């Protein structure tokens, strides 16, 4: 019996059964979380754009002043306030340095605010849908 090649790459599991290969890692991924506030809740947003959108997102990441943040996540001139929000931003892109920072709400200005707002408003395309 002749096998027809599958449209998706496959790999064999430990039991020898064929399984679809794991999807490739996203070229760009940005995760934003906001904790704190009076209720102390955490909200999360994630962007994993298509390859054709990656340059826009990489530009947003590059505009942020990552080098102005010290090892302890401080250094932007704003301190957390009681019941205030704290933002955590994690960004990585193919071939680029991974970034991870926590900022108090008062420090979320300029390029930081632009990046966070873009992540929060991003909508993943529906499966099979292509953005233009």
Protein backbone atom coordinates (compact mmCIF):
# COMPACT_ATOMS: atom_id res chain seq x y z
CA UNK A 1 0.00 0.00 0.00
CA UNK A 2 1.42 3.40 -0.99
CA UNK A 3 1.36 6.24 1.54
CA UNK A 4 0.37 9.74 0.52
CA UNK A 5 2.59 12.40 2.07
CA UNK A 6 0.91 14.41 4.79
CA UNK A 7 0.51 18.18 4.45
CA UNK A 8 1.94 18.58 7.96
CA UNK A 9 5.33 17.35 9.07
CA UNK A 10 5.16 14.40 11.41
CA UNK A 11 7.39 12.92 14.03
CA UNK A 12 7.33 9.67 15.93
CA UNK A 13 6.52 9.58 19.60
CA UNK A 14 8.17 7.27 22.14
CA UNK A 15 5.64 4.56 21.27
CA UNK A 16 6.56 4.73 17.57
CA UNK A 17 3.22 6.27 16.55
CA UNK A 18 3.36 9.17 14.13
CA UNK A 19 2.19 12.52 15.45
CA UNK A 20 2.03 15.97 13.86
CA UNK A 21 5.19 17.96 14.60
CA UNK A 22 4.93 20.73 17.15
CA UNK A 23 4.27 24.13 15.57
CA UNK A 24 7.32 26.27 14.97
CA UNK A 25 8.05 28.92 17.58
CA UNK A 26 6.55 32.30 16.84
CA UNK A 27 8.93 34.73 15.18
CA UNK A 28 7.80 37.48 17.56
CA UNK A 29 6.05 37.07 20.88
CA UNK A 30 5.10 39.80 23.31
CA UNK A 31 3.42 39.14 26.63
CA UNK A 32 2.00 41.91 28.81
CA UNK A 33 0.54 41.41 32.25
CA UNK A 34 -0.93 43.94 34.65
CA UNK A 35 -1.15 43.17 38.35
CA UNK A 36 -2.29 45.15 41.33
CA UNK A 37 -5.00 47.69 41.62
CA UNK A 38 -7.49 47.69 44.45
CA UNK A 39 -8.63 44.13 43.72
CA UNK A 40 -5.11 42.81 43.07
CA UNK A 41 -6.16 40.96 39.91
CA UNK A 42 -3.83 39.97 37.07
CA UNK A 43 -4.74 40.48 33.41
CA UNK A 44 -2.65 39.07 30.54
CA UNK A 45 -2.38 39.80 26.83
CA UNK A 46 -0.18 38.03 24.28
CA UNK A 47 0.77 38.83 20.69
CA UNK A 48 2.13 36.23 18.27
CA UNK A 49 1.80 37.99 14.93
CA UNK A 50 2.19 36.43 11.50
CA UNK A 51 5.60 36.75 9.86
CA UNK A 52 4.41 39.58 7.60
CA UNK A 53 3.47 41.65 10.70
CA UNK A 54 6.73 40.93 12.55
CA UNK A 55 8.67 44.02 11.36
CA UNK A 56 6.03 46.35 12.86
CA UNK A 57 6.18 44.57 16.22
CA UNK A 58 9.99 44.38 16.24
CA UNK A 59 10.06 48.15 15.65
CA UNK A 60 7.75 48.70 18.65
CA UNK A 61 10.01 46.51 20.79
CA UNK A 62 13.15 48.34 19.62
CA UNK A 63 11.72 51.78 20.50
CA UNK A 64 11.37 50.87 24.18
CA UNK A 65 14.23 52.05 26.44
CA UNK A 66 15.18 48.57 27.70
CA UNK A 67 18.71 49.73 28.57
CA UNK A 68 17.38 52.34 31.01
CA UNK A 69 16.00 49.61 33.27
CA UNK A 70 18.36 48.29 35.93
CA UNK A 71 18.67 44.62 36.86
CA UNK A 72 16.07 45.01 39.62
CA UNK A 73 13.53 46.41 37.13
CA UNK A 74 13.82 49.95 38.44
CA UNK A 75 15.58 52.93 36.99
CA UNK A 76 12.86 54.71 35.06
CA UNK A 77 12.16 57.26 37.78
CA UNK A 78 8.76 56.02 38.96
CA UNK A 79 8.02 54.00 42.05
CA UNK A 80 5.05 51.68 42.60
CA UNK A 81 2.21 53.13 44.64
CA UNK A 82 -0.15 51.26 46.98
CA UNK A 83 -3.05 49.73 45.03
CA UNK A 84 -1.41 50.85 41.78
CA UNK A 85 -0.82 48.71 38.74
CA UNK A 86 2.49 47.06 37.89
CA UNK A 87 3.10 46.06 34.29
CA UNK A 88 5.32 43.19 33.19
CA UNK A 89 6.45 43.18 29.57
CA UNK A 90 8.22 40.21 27.98
CA UNK A 91 9.30 40.47 24.38
CA UNK A 92 11.29 38.24 22.10
CA UNK A 93 11.91 38.19 18.41
CA UNK A 94 13.76 35.88 16.10
CA UNK A 95 17.42 36.86 16.14
CA UNK A 96 16.84 39.59 18.73
CA UNK A 97 17.60 39.84 22.42
CA UNK A 98 14.80 38.72 24.74
CA UNK A 99 13.52 41.40 27.13
CA UNK A 100 11.67 41.18 30.44
CA UNK A 101 10.79 44.19 32.58
CA UNK A 102 8.39 45.25 35.33
CA UNK A 103 7.21 48.86 35.41
CA UNK A 104 4.95 50.75 37.80
CA UNK A 105 1.96 52.37 36.13
CA UNK A 106 3.50 55.85 36.31
CA UNK A 107 6.48 54.67 34.22
CA UNK A 108 4.28 53.35 31.42
CA UNK A 109 4.76 56.32 29.10
CA UNK A 110 6.09 56.97 25.61
CA UNK A 111 7.30 53.86 23.79
CA UNK A 112 6.29 51.62 26.72
CA UNK A 113 2.69 52.87 26.53
CA UNK A 114 2.64 52.52 22.74
CA UNK A 115 3.81 48.89 22.95
CA UNK A 116 1.39 47.95 25.74
CA UNK A 117 -1.57 49.62 24.01
CA UNK A 118 -0.75 47.82 20.76
CA UNK A 119 -0.57 44.45 22.53
CA UNK A 120 -3.81 45.04 24.42
CA UNK A 121 -5.70 46.01 21.26
CA UNK A 122 -4.26 43.30 18.98
CA UNK A 123 -6.67 40.70 17.70
CA UNK A 124 -5.34 37.42 16.37
CA UNK A 125 -6.64 36.67 12.88
CA UNK A 126 -9.19 33.89 12.68
CA UNK A 127 -7.76 30.59 11.51
CA UNK A 128 -7.35 30.73 7.75
CA UNK A 129 -7.93 34.50 7.75
CA UNK A 130 -5.15 36.68 6.37
CA UNK A 131 -4.57 40.25 7.43
CA UNK A 132 -3.86 42.90 4.88
